[in-house]
């Protein structure tokens, strides 16, 4: 079916049919309804490429990621896809798998398809080289911070999330708080330590020992918990850099006969349901709000497409999810 067929069935000119289908204000409502009804009866689908040539937009966005199968990319992509779908836009997804040549290939491919803009999704909330100079349409970085301050980056607020965790432990009367986390080469790990120290300083407390940096794994959590308890057997809470580490810490505490949370409270990070909800007891943790982060990136990209582009870094706040590993919530 063609636009001419729709116009003929509705009894209007081709120009009027086109205006009605594109929601132009100069078409009377009764005429628009007649055209839309004719289009539905004929199962007419507009030619997207032709429409794009007229409007200058293809209503498609390229999402470029380096970690499609990972823990953080999928929630971000779901949030972005939902937000784009609400605006009746389509998504073209490409996974560069950390390969620079593959990444440049996908940039060229997406530009050849005339996408309206790009969302570049990171895998670790770290600084990453800017790609904007290679992309002549608006770009927003999600869960990654571009090295170019003129770009707009939406990142998770790791320092703020750690503050939420530490404030929760302090409010429950915990005074000897240890910290077990991932490699100190990760900015997320360093930022979470900084947030924890800030809250402890405000409460006139000191960290129980030094932060124990290691792997983002249960194995490291089990091992580091033994190290921490050997050095500080009086510890009454452990803030862990992620939920995997926290699950390992819980294993060791149970094995040593320490009750959770009566003797030692545990709090994790990421709200990874596989570990947080299935831990014994279930973990209090910090949720990064990754789907919201993806939606926020989309909203800023749409604003840029409308001529209102922002620059700098926006830190997406997390939220505390309270479960049994820290005890009941404090009543205010």
C-alpha atoms as a PDB file:
ATOM      1  CA  UNK A   1       0.000   0.000   0.000  1.00  0.00           C
ATOM      2  CA  UNK A   2       1.189   3.492  -0.854  1.00  0.00           C
ATOM      3  CA  UNK A   3       0.322   6.979   0.372  1.00  0.00           C
ATOM      4  CA  UNK A   4      -1.609   7.444  -2.872  1.00  0.00           C
ATOM      5  CA  UNK A   5      -3.810   4.458  -1.977  1.00  0.00           C
ATOM      6  CA  UNK A   6      -4.547   5.932   1.447  1.00  0.00           C
ATOM      7  CA  UNK A   7      -5.379   9.341  -0.040  1.00  0.00           C
ATOM      8  CA  UNK A   8      -7.700   7.776  -2.624  1.00  0.00           C
ATOM      9  CA  UNK A   9      -9.544   5.693  -0.018  1.00  0.00           C
ATOM     10  CA  UNK A  10      -9.955   8.728   2.291  1.00  0.00           C
ATOM     11  CA  UNK A  11     -11.017  10.994  -0.568  1.00  0.00           C
ATOM     12  CA  UNK A  12      -8.258  13.565  -0.018  1.00  0.00           C
ATOM     13  CA  UNK A  13      -5.147  14.720  -1.838  1.00  0.00           C
ATOM     14  CA  UNK A  14      -1.807  13.033  -1.319  1.00  0.00           C
ATOM     15  CA  UNK A  15      -0.506  16.207   0.389  1.00  0.00           C
ATOM     16  CA  UNK A  16      -3.417  16.224   2.841  1.00  0.00           C
ATOM     17  CA  UNK A  17      -2.968  12.528   3.588  1.00  0.00           C
ATOM     18  CA  UNK A  18       0.721  13.115   4.304  1.00  0.00           C
ATOM     19  CA  UNK A  19      -0.043  16.029   6.643  1.00  0.00           C
ATOM     20  CA  UNK A  20      -2.691  14.005   8.474  1.00  0.00           C
ATOM     21  CA  UNK A  21      -0.390  11.018   8.997  1.00  0.00           C
ATOM     22  CA  UNK A  22       2.377  13.299  10.282  1.00  0.00           C
ATOM     23  CA  UNK A  23       0.076  15.073  12.742  1.00  0.00           C
ATOM     24  CA  UNK A  24       0.286  18.475  11.086  1.00  0.00           C
ATOM     25  CA  UNK A  25      -1.979  21.070  12.715  1.00  0.00           C
ATOM     26  CA  UNK A  26      -3.431  22.467   9.467  1.00  0.00           C
ATOM     27  CA  UNK A  27      -5.542  19.336   8.863  1.00  0.00           C
ATOM     28  CA  UNK A  28      -9.088  19.307  10.254  1.00  0.00           C
ATOM     29  CA  UNK A  29      -9.674  16.679  12.939  1.00  0.00           C
ATOM     30  CA  UNK A  30     -12.449  14.968  10.952  1.00  0.00           C
ATOM     31  CA  UNK A  31     -10.173  14.727   7.894  1.00  0.00           C
ATOM     32  CA  UNK A  32      -7.316  13.381  10.005  1.00  0.00           C
ATOM     33  CA  UNK A  33      -9.567  10.694  11.476  1.00  0.00           C
ATOM     34  CA  UNK A  34     -10.687   9.693   7.982  1.00  0.00           C
ATOM     35  CA  UNK A  35      -7.098   9.408   6.766  1.00  0.00           C
ATOM     36  CA  UNK A  36      -5.979   7.430   9.815  1.00  0.00           C
ATOM     37  CA  UNK A  37      -8.922   5.083   9.406  1.00  0.00           C
ATOM     38  CA  UNK A  38      -8.081   4.539   5.744  1.00  0.00           C
ATOM     39  CA  UNK A  39      -4.418   3.868   6.633  1.00  0.00           C
ATOM     40  CA  UNK A  40      -5.472   1.303   9.240  1.00  0.00           C
ATOM     41  CA  UNK A  41      -7.883  -0.432   6.850  1.00  0.00           C
ATOM     42  CA  UNK A  42      -5.139  -0.713   4.240  1.00  0.00           C
ATOM     43  CA  UNK A  43      -2.436  -1.682   6.802  1.00  0.00           C
ATOM     44  CA  UNK A  44      -0.377   1.203   5.490  1.00  0.00           C
ATOM     45  CA  UNK A  45       3.121   1.644   6.950  1.00  0.00           C
ATOM     46  CA  UNK A  46       4.946   4.919   6.245  1.00  0.00           C
ATOM     47  CA  UNK A  47       8.309   4.700   4.512  1.00  0.00           C
ATOM     48  CA  UNK A  48      10.643   5.510   7.402  1.00  0.00           C
ATOM     49  CA  UNK A  49      13.572   6.388   5.168  1.00  0.00           C
ATOM     50  CA  UNK A  50      11.474   8.777   3.100  1.00  0.00           C
ATOM     51  CA  UNK A  51      10.053  10.374   6.231  1.00  0.00           C
ATOM     52  CA  UNK A  52      13.561  10.790   7.573  1.00  0.00           C
ATOM     53  CA  UNK A  53      14.684  12.555   4.416  1.00  0.00           C
ATOM     54  CA  UNK A  54      11.833  15.033   4.796  1.00  0.00           C
ATOM     55  CA  UNK A  55      12.164  15.652   8.538  1.00  0.00           C
ATOM     56  CA  UNK A  56      15.932  15.295   8.843  1.00  0.00           C
ATOM     57  CA  UNK A  57      15.401  12.615  11.505  1.00  0.00           C
ATOM     58  CA  UNK A  58      15.310   8.824  11.321  1.00  0.00           C
ATOM     59  CA  UNK A  59      14.004   8.433  14.906  1.00  0.00           C
ATOM     60  CA  UNK A  60      16.738   5.909  15.611  1.00  0.00           C
ATOM     61  CA  UNK A  61      19.496   6.008  18.211  1.00  0.00           C
ATOM     62  CA  UNK A  62      22.698   4.008  18.267  1.00  0.00           C
ATOM     63  CA  UNK A  63      23.642   2.362  21.574  1.00  0.00           C
ATOM     64  CA  UNK A  64      27.310   1.438  21.653  1.00  0.00           C
ATOM     65  CA  UNK A  65      28.556  -0.731  24.495  1.00  0.00           C
ATOM     66  CA  UNK A  66      31.698  -2.670  25.341  1.00  0.00           C
ATOM     67  CA  UNK A  67      30.042  -5.163  27.685  1.00  0.00           C
ATOM     68  CA  UNK A  68      26.650  -6.369  26.478  1.00  0.00           C
ATOM     69  CA  UNK A  69      26.733  -9.564  28.510  1.00  0.00           C
ATOM     70  CA  UNK A  70      27.894  -7.932  31.740  1.00  0.00           C
ATOM     71  CA  UNK A  71      26.270  -7.047  35.014  1.00  0.00           C
ATOM     72  CA  UNK A  72      25.950  -3.304  34.447  1.00  0.00           C
ATOM     73  CA  UNK A  73      25.244  -2.833  30.750  1.00  0.00           C
ATOM     74  CA  UNK A  74      21.948  -4.739  30.536  1.00  0.00           C
ATOM     75  CA  UNK A  75      19.986  -2.686  33.126  1.00  0.00           C
ATOM     76  CA  UNK A  76      21.256   0.541  31.550  1.00  0.00           C
ATOM     77  CA  UNK A  77      20.235  -0.630  28.101  1.00  0.00           C
ATOM     78  CA  UNK A  78      16.785  -1.680  29.353  1.00  0.00           C
ATOM     79  CA  UNK A  79      16.218   1.745  30.885  1.00  0.00           C
ATOM     80  CA  UNK A  80      17.381   3.473  27.714  1.00  0.00           C
ATOM     81  CA  UNK A  81      15.259   1.238  25.485  1.00  0.00           C
ATOM     82  CA  UNK A  82      12.141   1.855  27.580  1.00  0.00           C
ATOM     83  CA  UNK A  83      12.644   5.616  27.461  1.00  0.00           C
ATOM     84  CA  UNK A  84      13.265   5.582  23.707  1.00  0.00           C
ATOM     85  CA  UNK A  85      10.215   3.385  23.157  1.00  0.00           C
ATOM     86  CA  UNK A  86       8.083   5.901  25.032  1.00  0.00           C
ATOM     87  CA  UNK A  87       9.190   8.459  22.469  1.00  0.00           C
ATOM     88  CA  UNK A  88       8.471   6.047  19.597  1.00  0.00           C
ATOM     89  CA  UNK A  89      12.127   5.814  18.686  1.00  0.00           C
ATOM     90  CA  UNK A  90      14.041   2.721  17.650  1.00  0.00           C
ATOM     91  CA  UNK A  91      17.339   1.429  19.014  1.00  0.00           C
ATOM     92  CA  UNK A  92      20.261   0.000  17.071  1.00  0.00           C
ATOM     93  CA  UNK A  93      22.496  -1.863  19.523  1.00  0.00           C
ATOM     94  CA  UNK A  94      26.168  -2.675  18.909  1.00  0.00           C
ATOM     95  CA  UNK A  95      28.603  -4.450  21.245  1.00  0.00           C
ATOM     96  CA  UNK A  96      32.229  -3.545  20.539  1.00  0.00           C
ATOM     97  CA  UNK A  97      33.457  -6.095  23.124  1.00  0.00           C
ATOM     98  CA  UNK A  98      36.279  -3.798  24.145  1.00  0.00           C
ATOM     99  CA  UNK A  99      37.863  -3.856  20.677  1.00  0.00           C
ATOM    100  CA  UNK A 100      38.836  -0.442  19.278  1.00  0.00           C
ATOM    101  CA  UNK A 101      38.680  -1.556  15.631  1.00  0.00           C
ATOM    102  CA  UNK A 102      35.273  -3.130  16.133  1.00  0.00           C
ATOM    103  CA  UNK A 103      34.100   0.051  17.891  1.00  0.00           C
ATOM    104  CA  UNK A 104      35.102   2.270  14.954  1.00  0.00           C
ATOM    105  CA  UNK A 105      33.422  -0.142  12.545  1.00  0.00           C
ATOM    106  CA  UNK A 106      30.152   0.133  14.467  1.00  0.00           C
ATOM    107  CA  UNK A 107      30.373   3.918  14.621  1.00  0.00           C
ATOM    108  CA  UNK A 108      30.684   4.025  10.832  1.00  0.00           C
ATOM    109  CA  UNK A 109      27.866   1.487  10.413  1.00  0.00           C
ATOM    110  CA  UNK A 110      25.478   3.400  12.675  1.00  0.00           C
ATOM    111  CA  UNK A 111      26.298   6.702  10.987  1.00  0.00           C
ATOM    112  CA  UNK A 112      25.638   5.075   7.594  1.00  0.00           C
ATOM    113  CA  UNK A 113      22.188   4.189   8.928  1.00  0.00           C
ATOM    114  CA  UNK A 114      21.753   7.879   9.788  1.00  0.00           C
ATOM    115  CA  UNK A 115      21.044   7.478  13.491  1.00  0.00           C
ATOM    116  CA  UNK A 116      19.984  10.698  15.176  1.00  0.00           C
ATOM    117  CA  UNK A 117      22.347  10.296  18.127  1.00  0.00           C
ATOM    118  CA  UNK A 118      24.535   7.952  20.174  1.00  0.00           C
ATOM    119  CA  UNK A 119      24.524   6.661  23.722  1.00  0.00           C
ATOM    120  CA  UNK A 120      27.926   5.242  24.647  1.00  0.00           C
ATOM    121  CA  UNK A 121      27.562   2.790  27.538  1.00  0.00           C
ATOM    122  CA  UNK A 122      30.520   2.067  29.824  1.00  0.00           C
ATOM    123  CA  UNK A 123      31.161  -1.049  31.879  1.00  0.00           C
ATOM    124  CA  UNK A 124      32.818   0.257  35.046  1.00  0.00           C
ATOM    125  CA  UNK A 125      31.853   3.904  35.711  1.00  0.00           C
ATOM    126  CA  UNK A 126      35.424   4.854  34.788  1.00  0.00           C
ATOM    127  CA  UNK A 127      36.945   7.598  32.672  1.00  0.00           C
ATOM    128  CA  UNK A 128      37.067   6.634  29.000  1.00  0.00           C
ATOM    129  CA  UNK A 129      38.505   8.362  25.918  1.00  0.00           C
ATOM    130  CA  UNK A 130      36.010  10.618  24.190  1.00  0.00           C
ATOM    131  CA  UNK A 131      34.561   9.334  20.905  1.00  0.00           C
ATOM    132  CA  UNK A 132      32.681  12.529  20.116  1.00  0.00           C
ATOM    133  CA  UNK A 133      35.223  13.839  17.601  1.00  0.00           C
ATOM    134  CA  UNK A 134      34.400  10.830  15.385  1.00  0.00           C
ATOM    135  CA  UNK A 135      30.616  11.256  15.655  1.00  0.00           C
ATOM    136  CA  UNK A 136      28.857  14.207  13.946  1.00  0.00           C
ATOM    137  CA  UNK A 137      25.577  13.754  15.884  1.00  0.00           C
ATOM    138  CA  UNK A 138      24.816  14.279  19.615  1.00  0.00           C
ATOM    139  CA  UNK A 139      26.484  11.823  22.017  1.00  0.00           C
ATOM    140  CA  UNK A 140      25.758  11.052  25.675  1.00  0.00           C
ATOM    141  CA  UNK A 141      27.956   8.786  27.829  1.00  0.00           C
ATOM    142  CA  UNK A 142      26.227   6.458  30.326  1.00  0.00           C
ATOM    143  CA  UNK A 143      28.010   4.716  33.234  1.00  0.00           C
ATOM    144  CA  UNK A 144      31.222   6.167  31.848  1.00  0.00           C
ATOM    145  CA  UNK A 145      32.830   9.588  32.094  1.00  0.00           C
ATOM    146  CA  UNK A 146      34.266  11.044  28.911  1.00  0.00           C
ATOM    147  CA  UNK A 147      37.738  12.523  29.124  1.00  0.00           C
ATOM    148  CA  UNK A 148      36.423  15.592  27.270  1.00  0.00           C
ATOM    149  CA  UNK A 149      34.661  17.989  29.708  1.00  0.00           C
ATOM    150  CA  UNK A 150      32.597  19.327  26.796  1.00  0.00           C
ATOM    151  CA  UNK A 151      30.808  15.964  26.593  1.00  0.00           C
ATOM    152  CA  UNK A 152      27.890  14.988  28.809  1.00  0.00           C
ATOM    153  CA  UNK A 153      28.431  11.948  31.027  1.00  0.00           C
ATOM    154  CA  UNK A 154      25.871  10.271  33.312  1.00  0.00           C
ATOM    155  CA  UNK A 155      27.637   8.224  35.990  1.00  0.00           C
ATOM    156  CA  UNK A 156      26.684   6.406  39.186  1.00  0.00           C
ATOM    157  CA  UNK A 157      27.393   8.346  42.381  1.00  0.00           C
ATOM    158  CA  UNK A 158      29.650   5.814  44.092  1.00  0.00           C
ATOM    159  CA  UNK A 159      30.807   8.168  46.831  1.00  0.00           C
ATOM    160  CA  UNK A 160      27.203   9.101  47.595  1.00  0.00           C
ATOM    161  CA  UNK A 161      26.158   5.457  47.620  1.00  0.00           C
ATOM    162  CA  UNK A 162      28.888   4.636  50.122  1.00  0.00           C
ATOM    163  CA  UNK A 163      27.664   7.469  52.312  1.00  0.00           C
ATOM    164  CA  UNK A 164      24.199   5.891  52.349  1.00  0.00           C
ATOM    165  CA  UNK A 165      25.693   2.567  53.442  1.00  0.00           C
ATOM    166  CA  UNK A 166      27.900   4.094  56.135  1.00  0.00           C
ATOM    167  CA  UNK A 167      25.167   6.333  57.528  1.00  0.00           C
ATOM    168  CA  UNK A 168      22.890   3.295  57.791  1.00  0.00           C
ATOM    169  CA  UNK A 169      25.483   1.350  59.802  1.00  0.00           C
ATOM    170  CA  UNK A 170      26.266   4.286  62.096  1.00  0.00           C
ATOM    171  CA  UNK A 171      22.549   4.916  62.689  1.00  0.00           C
ATOM    172  CA  UNK A 172      22.269   1.306  63.918  1.00  0.00           C
ATOM    173  CA  UNK A 173      24.944   1.933  66.529  1.00  0.00           C
ATOM    174  CA  UNK A 174      27.814   0.244  64.702  1.00  0.00           C
ATOM    175  CA  UNK A 175      31.099   1.795  65.762  1.00  0.00           C
ATOM    176  CA  UNK A 176      33.828  -0.604  64.596  1.00  0.00           C
ATOM    177  CA  UNK A 177      33.263  -0.776  60.845  1.00  0.00           C
ATOM    178  CA  UNK A 178      35.618  -2.586  58.496  1.00  0.00           C
ATOM    179  CA  UNK A 179      35.762  -2.347  54.716  1.00  0.00           C
ATOM    180  CA  UNK A 180      36.450  -5.087  52.143  1.00  0.00           C
ATOM    181  CA  UNK A 181      36.358  -4.165  48.477  1.00  0.00           C
ATOM    182  CA  UNK A 182      37.705  -4.785  44.971  1.00  0.00           C
ATOM    183  CA  UNK A 183      40.943  -3.636  43.305  1.00  0.00           C
ATOM    184  CA  UNK A 184      42.122  -0.118  44.147  1.00  0.00           C
ATOM    185  CA  UNK A 185      42.705   0.393  40.424  1.00  0.00           C
ATOM    186  CA  UNK A 186      38.915   0.852  40.116  1.00  0.00           C
ATOM    187  CA  UNK A 187      37.710   4.383  40.675  1.00  0.00           C
ATOM    188  CA  UNK A 188      34.461   2.947  42.062  1.00  0.00           C
ATOM    189  CA  UNK A 189      36.397   1.186  44.831  1.00  0.00           C
ATOM    190  CA  UNK A 190      38.324   4.336  45.728  1.00  0.00           C
ATOM    191  CA  UNK A 191      35.203   6.526  45.676  1.00  0.00           C
ATOM    192  CA  UNK A 192      33.342   4.129  47.983  1.00  0.00           C
ATOM    193  CA  UNK A 193      36.211   4.227  50.468  1.00  0.00           C
ATOM    194  CA  UNK A 194      36.131   8.032  50.342  1.00  0.00           C
ATOM    195  CA  UNK A 195      32.389   8.128  51.038  1.00  0.00           C
ATOM    196  CA  UNK A 196      32.771   5.715  53.958  1.00  0.00           C
ATOM    197  CA  UNK A 197      35.617   7.716  55.505  1.00  0.00           C
ATOM    198  CA  UNK A 198      33.629  10.959  55.218  1.00  0.00           C
ATOM    199  CA  UNK A 199      30.721   9.572  57.230  1.00  0.00           C
ATOM    200  CA  UNK A 200      32.999   8.027  59.832  1.00  0.00           C
ATOM    201  CA  UNK A 201      34.855  11.319  60.265  1.00  0.00           C
ATOM    202  CA  UNK A 202      31.564  13.166  60.712  1.00  0.00           C
ATOM    203  CA  UNK A 203      30.619  10.676  63.441  1.00  0.00           C
ATOM    204  CA  UNK A 204      34.057  10.980  65.121  1.00  0.00           C
ATOM    205  CA  UNK A 205      34.802   7.345  64.243  1.00  0.00           C
ATOM    206  CA  UNK A 206      37.748   5.639  62.597  1.00  0.00           C
ATOM    207  CA  UNK A 207      37.738   2.771  60.143  1.00  0.00           C
ATOM    208  CA  UNK A 208      38.468  -0.599  61.754  1.00  0.00           C
ATOM    209  CA  UNK A 209      41.836  -1.251  60.150  1.00  0.00           C
ATOM    210  CA  UNK A 210      42.750  -0.248  56.620  1.00  0.00           C
ATOM    211  CA  UNK A 211      40.493  -0.960  53.609  1.00  0.00           C
ATOM    212  CA  UNK A 212      41.165  -4.443  52.255  1.00  0.00           C
ATOM    213  CA  UNK A 213      41.471  -4.216  48.462  1.00  0.00           C
ATOM    214  CA  UNK A 214      41.309  -7.376  46.381  1.00  0.00           C
ATOM    215  CA  UNK A 215      38.938  -8.965  43.851  1.00  0.00           C
ATOM    216  CA  UNK A 216      35.258  -8.451  43.134  1.00  0.00           C
ATOM    217  CA  UNK A 217      34.598 -12.051  44.157  1.00  0.00           C
ATOM    218  CA  UNK A 218      33.121 -14.271  46.865  1.00  0.00           C
ATOM    219  CA  UNK A 219      36.492 -15.973  47.238  1.00  0.00           C
ATOM    220  CA  UNK A 220      38.144 -12.692  48.133  1.00  0.00           C
ATOM    221  CA  UNK A 221      35.291 -11.871  50.520  1.00  0.00           C
ATOM    222  CA  UNK A 222      35.793 -15.149  52.378  1.00  0.00           C
ATOM    223  CA  UNK A 223      39.557 -14.711  52.602  1.00  0.00           C
ATOM    224  CA  UNK A 224      39.503 -11.003  53.485  1.00  0.00           C
ATOM    225  CA  UNK A 225      36.909 -11.545  56.218  1.00  0.00           C
ATOM    226  CA  UNK A 226      39.331 -13.923  57.968  1.00  0.00           C
ATOM    227  CA  UNK A 227      42.116 -11.353  57.659  1.00  0.00           C
ATOM    228  CA  UNK A 228      39.936  -8.570  59.038  1.00  0.00           C
ATOM    229  CA  UNK A 229      38.616 -10.602  61.971  1.00  0.00           C
ATOM    230  CA  UNK A 230      42.105 -11.821  62.862  1.00  0.00           C
ATOM    231  CA  UNK A 231      43.348  -8.234  63.043  1.00  0.00           C
ATOM    232  CA  UNK A 232      40.180  -6.724  64.503  1.00  0.00           C
ATOM    233  CA  UNK A 233      38.116  -9.388  66.287  1.00  0.00           C
ATOM    234  CA  UNK A 234      35.954  -6.625  67.809  1.00  0.00           C
ATOM    235  CA  UNK A 235      34.594  -5.472  64.419  1.00  0.00           C
ATOM    236  CA  UNK A 236      30.797  -5.053  64.565  1.00  0.00           C
ATOM    237  CA  UNK A 237      30.042  -4.198  60.900  1.00  0.00           C
ATOM    238  CA  UNK A 238      31.594  -4.770  57.476  1.00  0.00           C
ATOM    239  CA  UNK A 239      30.820  -2.600  54.469  1.00  0.00           C
ATOM    240  CA  UNK A 240      31.626  -4.540  51.291  1.00  0.00           C
ATOM    241  CA  UNK A 241      32.479  -3.037  47.907  1.00  0.00           C
ATOM    242  CA  UNK A 242      29.960  -5.263  46.095  1.00  0.00           C
ATOM    243  CA  UNK A 243      27.415  -7.997  46.778  1.00  0.00           C
ATOM    244  CA  UNK A 244      29.710 -10.827  45.682  1.00  0.00           C
ATOM    245  CA  UNK A 245      32.295  -9.815  48.256  1.00  0.00           C
ATOM    246  CA  UNK A 246      29.544  -9.455  50.862  1.00  0.00           C
ATOM    247  CA  UNK A 247      28.230 -12.965  50.162  1.00  0.00           C
ATOM    248  CA  UNK A 248      31.730 -14.347  50.720  1.00  0.00           C
ATOM    249  CA  UNK A 249      32.075 -12.378  53.954  1.00  0.00           C
ATOM    250  CA  UNK A 250      28.771 -13.832  55.149  1.00  0.00           C
ATOM    251  CA  UNK A 251      30.056 -17.363  54.460  1.00  0.00           C
ATOM    252  CA  UNK A 252      33.115 -16.781  56.634  1.00  0.00           C
ATOM    253  CA  UNK A 253      31.169 -15.160  59.477  1.00  0.00           C
ATOM    254  CA  UNK A 254      28.771 -18.093  59.625  1.00  0.00           C
ATOM    255  CA  UNK A 255      31.682 -20.531  59.552  1.00  0.00           C
ATOM    256  CA  UNK A 256      33.292 -18.746  62.505  1.00  0.00           C
ATOM    257  CA  UNK A 257      30.066 -18.788  64.494  1.00  0.00           C
ATOM    258  CA  UNK A 258      29.447 -15.027  64.198  1.00  0.00           C
ATOM    259  CA  UNK A 259      25.766 -14.145  64.076  1.00  0.00           C
ATOM    260  CA  UNK A 260      24.560 -11.795  61.323  1.00  0.00           C
ATOM    261  CA  UNK A 261      23.530  -9.072  62.132  1.00  0.00           C
ATOM    262  CA  UNK A 262      23.621  -9.574  65.938  1.00  0.00           C
ATOM    263  CA  UNK A 263      27.400  -9.840  66.175  1.00  0.00           C
ATOM    264  CA  UNK A 264      28.428  -8.341  62.836  1.00  0.00           C
ATOM    265  CA  UNK A 265      26.258  -6.423  60.375  1.00  0.00           C
ATOM    266  CA  UNK A 266      27.036  -6.717  56.654  1.00  0.00           C
ATOM    267  CA  UNK A 267      26.154  -4.327  53.881  1.00  0.00           C
ATOM    268  CA  UNK A 268      26.885  -4.835  50.177  1.00  0.00           C
ATOM    269  CA  UNK A 269      26.793  -2.732  47.030  1.00  0.00           C
ATOM    270  CA  UNK A 270      25.071  -3.032  43.585  1.00  0.00           C
ATOM    271  CA  UNK A 271      21.830  -4.813  44.667  1.00  0.00           C
ATOM    272  CA  UNK A 272      22.681  -7.774  42.451  1.00  0.00           C
ATOM    273  CA  UNK A 273      19.634  -9.915  43.220  1.00  0.00           C
ATOM    274  CA  UNK A 274      21.448 -13.186  42.544  1.00  0.00           C
ATOM    275  CA  UNK A 275      23.738 -12.525  45.509  1.00  0.00           C
ATOM    276  CA  UNK A 276      21.851  -9.989  47.628  1.00  0.00           C
ATOM    277  CA  UNK A 277      18.480 -11.724  47.891  1.00  0.00           C
ATOM    278  CA  UNK A 278      19.901 -15.264  48.113  1.00  0.00           C
ATOM    279  CA  UNK A 279      22.529 -14.494  50.742  1.00  0.00           C
ATOM    280  CA  UNK A 280      21.973 -15.863  54.260  1.00  0.00           C
ATOM    281  CA  UNK A 281      20.642 -13.581  55.629  1.00  0.00           C
ATOM    282  CA  UNK A 282      19.575 -11.423  52.647  1.00  0.00           C
ATOM    283  CA  UNK A 283      21.882  -8.436  52.141  1.00  0.00           C
ATOM    284  CA  UNK A 284      21.250  -4.811  52.813  1.00  0.00           C
ATOM    285  CA  UNK A 285      22.867  -3.141  49.808  1.00  0.00           C
ATOM    286  CA  UNK A 286      23.032  -0.036  47.640  1.00  0.00           C
ATOM    287  CA  UNK A 287      21.135  -0.087  44.345  1.00  0.00           C
ATOM    288  CA  UNK A 288      22.804   1.921  41.577  1.00  0.00           C
ATOM    289  CA  UNK A 289      19.476   2.668  39.822  1.00  0.00           C
ATOM    290  CA  UNK A 290      21.021   1.643  36.518  1.00  0.00           C
ATOM    291  CA  UNK A 291      17.742   1.568  34.580  1.00  0.00           C
ATOM    292  CA  UNK A 292      17.069   5.133  35.682  1.00  0.00           C
ATOM    293  CA  UNK A 293      20.600   6.042  34.648  1.00  0.00           C
ATOM    294  CA  UNK A 294      19.878   4.737  31.135  1.00  0.00           C
ATOM    295  CA  UNK A 295      16.599   6.664  30.980  1.00  0.00           C
ATOM    296  CA  UNK A 296      18.350   9.839  32.147  1.00  0.00           C
ATOM    297  CA  UNK A 297      20.903   9.459  29.360  1.00  0.00           C
ATOM    298  CA  UNK A 298      18.065   9.176  26.826  1.00  0.00           C
ATOM    299  CA  UNK A 299      16.325  12.275  28.160  1.00  0.00           C
ATOM    300  CA  UNK A 300      19.493  14.325  27.796  1.00  0.00           C
ATOM    301  CA  UNK A 301      20.113  12.952  24.318  1.00  0.00           C
ATOM    302  CA  UNK A 302      16.598  13.938  23.244  1.00  0.00           C
ATOM    303  CA  UNK A 303      17.184  17.406  24.675  1.00  0.00           C
ATOM    304  CA  UNK A 304      20.403  17.656  22.661  1.00  0.00           C
ATOM    305  CA  UNK A 305      18.514  16.645  19.514  1.00  0.00           C
ATOM    306  CA  UNK A 306      16.110  19.501  20.227  1.00  0.00           C
ATOM    307  CA  UNK A 307      19.007  21.940  20.510  1.00  0.00           C
ATOM    308  CA  UNK A 308      19.523  21.962  24.281  1.00  0.00           C
ATOM    309  CA  UNK A 309      22.791  20.128  24.792  1.00  0.00           C
ATOM    310  CA  UNK A 310      24.414  19.887  28.229  1.00  0.00           C
ATOM    311  CA  UNK A 311      28.028  19.242  29.160  1.00  0.00           C
ATOM    312  CA  UNK A 312      29.865  17.990  32.214  1.00  0.00           C
ATOM    313  CA  UNK A 313      29.143  15.124  34.595  1.00  0.00           C
ATOM    314  CA  UNK A 314      25.804  14.193  36.169  1.00  0.00           C
ATOM    315  CA  UNK A 315      25.988  11.789  39.113  1.00  0.00           C
ATOM    316  CA  UNK A 316      22.967   9.491  39.366  1.00  0.00           C
ATOM    317  CA  UNK A 317      22.021   8.894  42.998  1.00  0.00           C
ATOM    318  CA  UNK A 318      21.641   5.356  44.295  1.00  0.00           C
ATOM    319  CA  UNK A 319      19.220   4.082  46.929  1.00  0.00           C
ATOM    320  CA  UNK A 320      19.625   1.956  50.010  1.00  0.00           C
ATOM    321  CA  UNK A 321      17.815  -1.400  50.005  1.00  0.00           C
ATOM    322  CA  UNK A 322      17.453  -2.598  53.597  1.00  0.00           C
ATOM    323  CA  UNK A 323      17.327  -6.347  54.265  1.00  0.00           C
ATOM    324  CA  UNK A 324      18.081  -8.584  57.222  1.00  0.00           C
ATOM    325  CA  UNK A 325      21.909  -8.439  57.175  1.00  0.00           C
ATOM    326  CA  UNK A 326      21.944  -5.129  59.061  1.00  0.00           C
ATOM    327  CA  UNK A 327      18.930  -5.665  61.290  1.00  0.00           C
ATOM    328  CA  UNK A 328      15.563  -3.870  61.282  1.00  0.00           C
ATOM    329  CA  UNK A 329      15.301  -0.311  60.059  1.00  0.00           C
ATOM    330  CA  UNK A 330      15.835   2.380  62.718  1.00  0.00           C
ATOM    331  CA  UNK A 331      12.563   4.048  63.711  1.00  0.00           C
ATOM    332  CA  UNK A 332      12.754   7.820  63.476  1.00  0.00           C
END
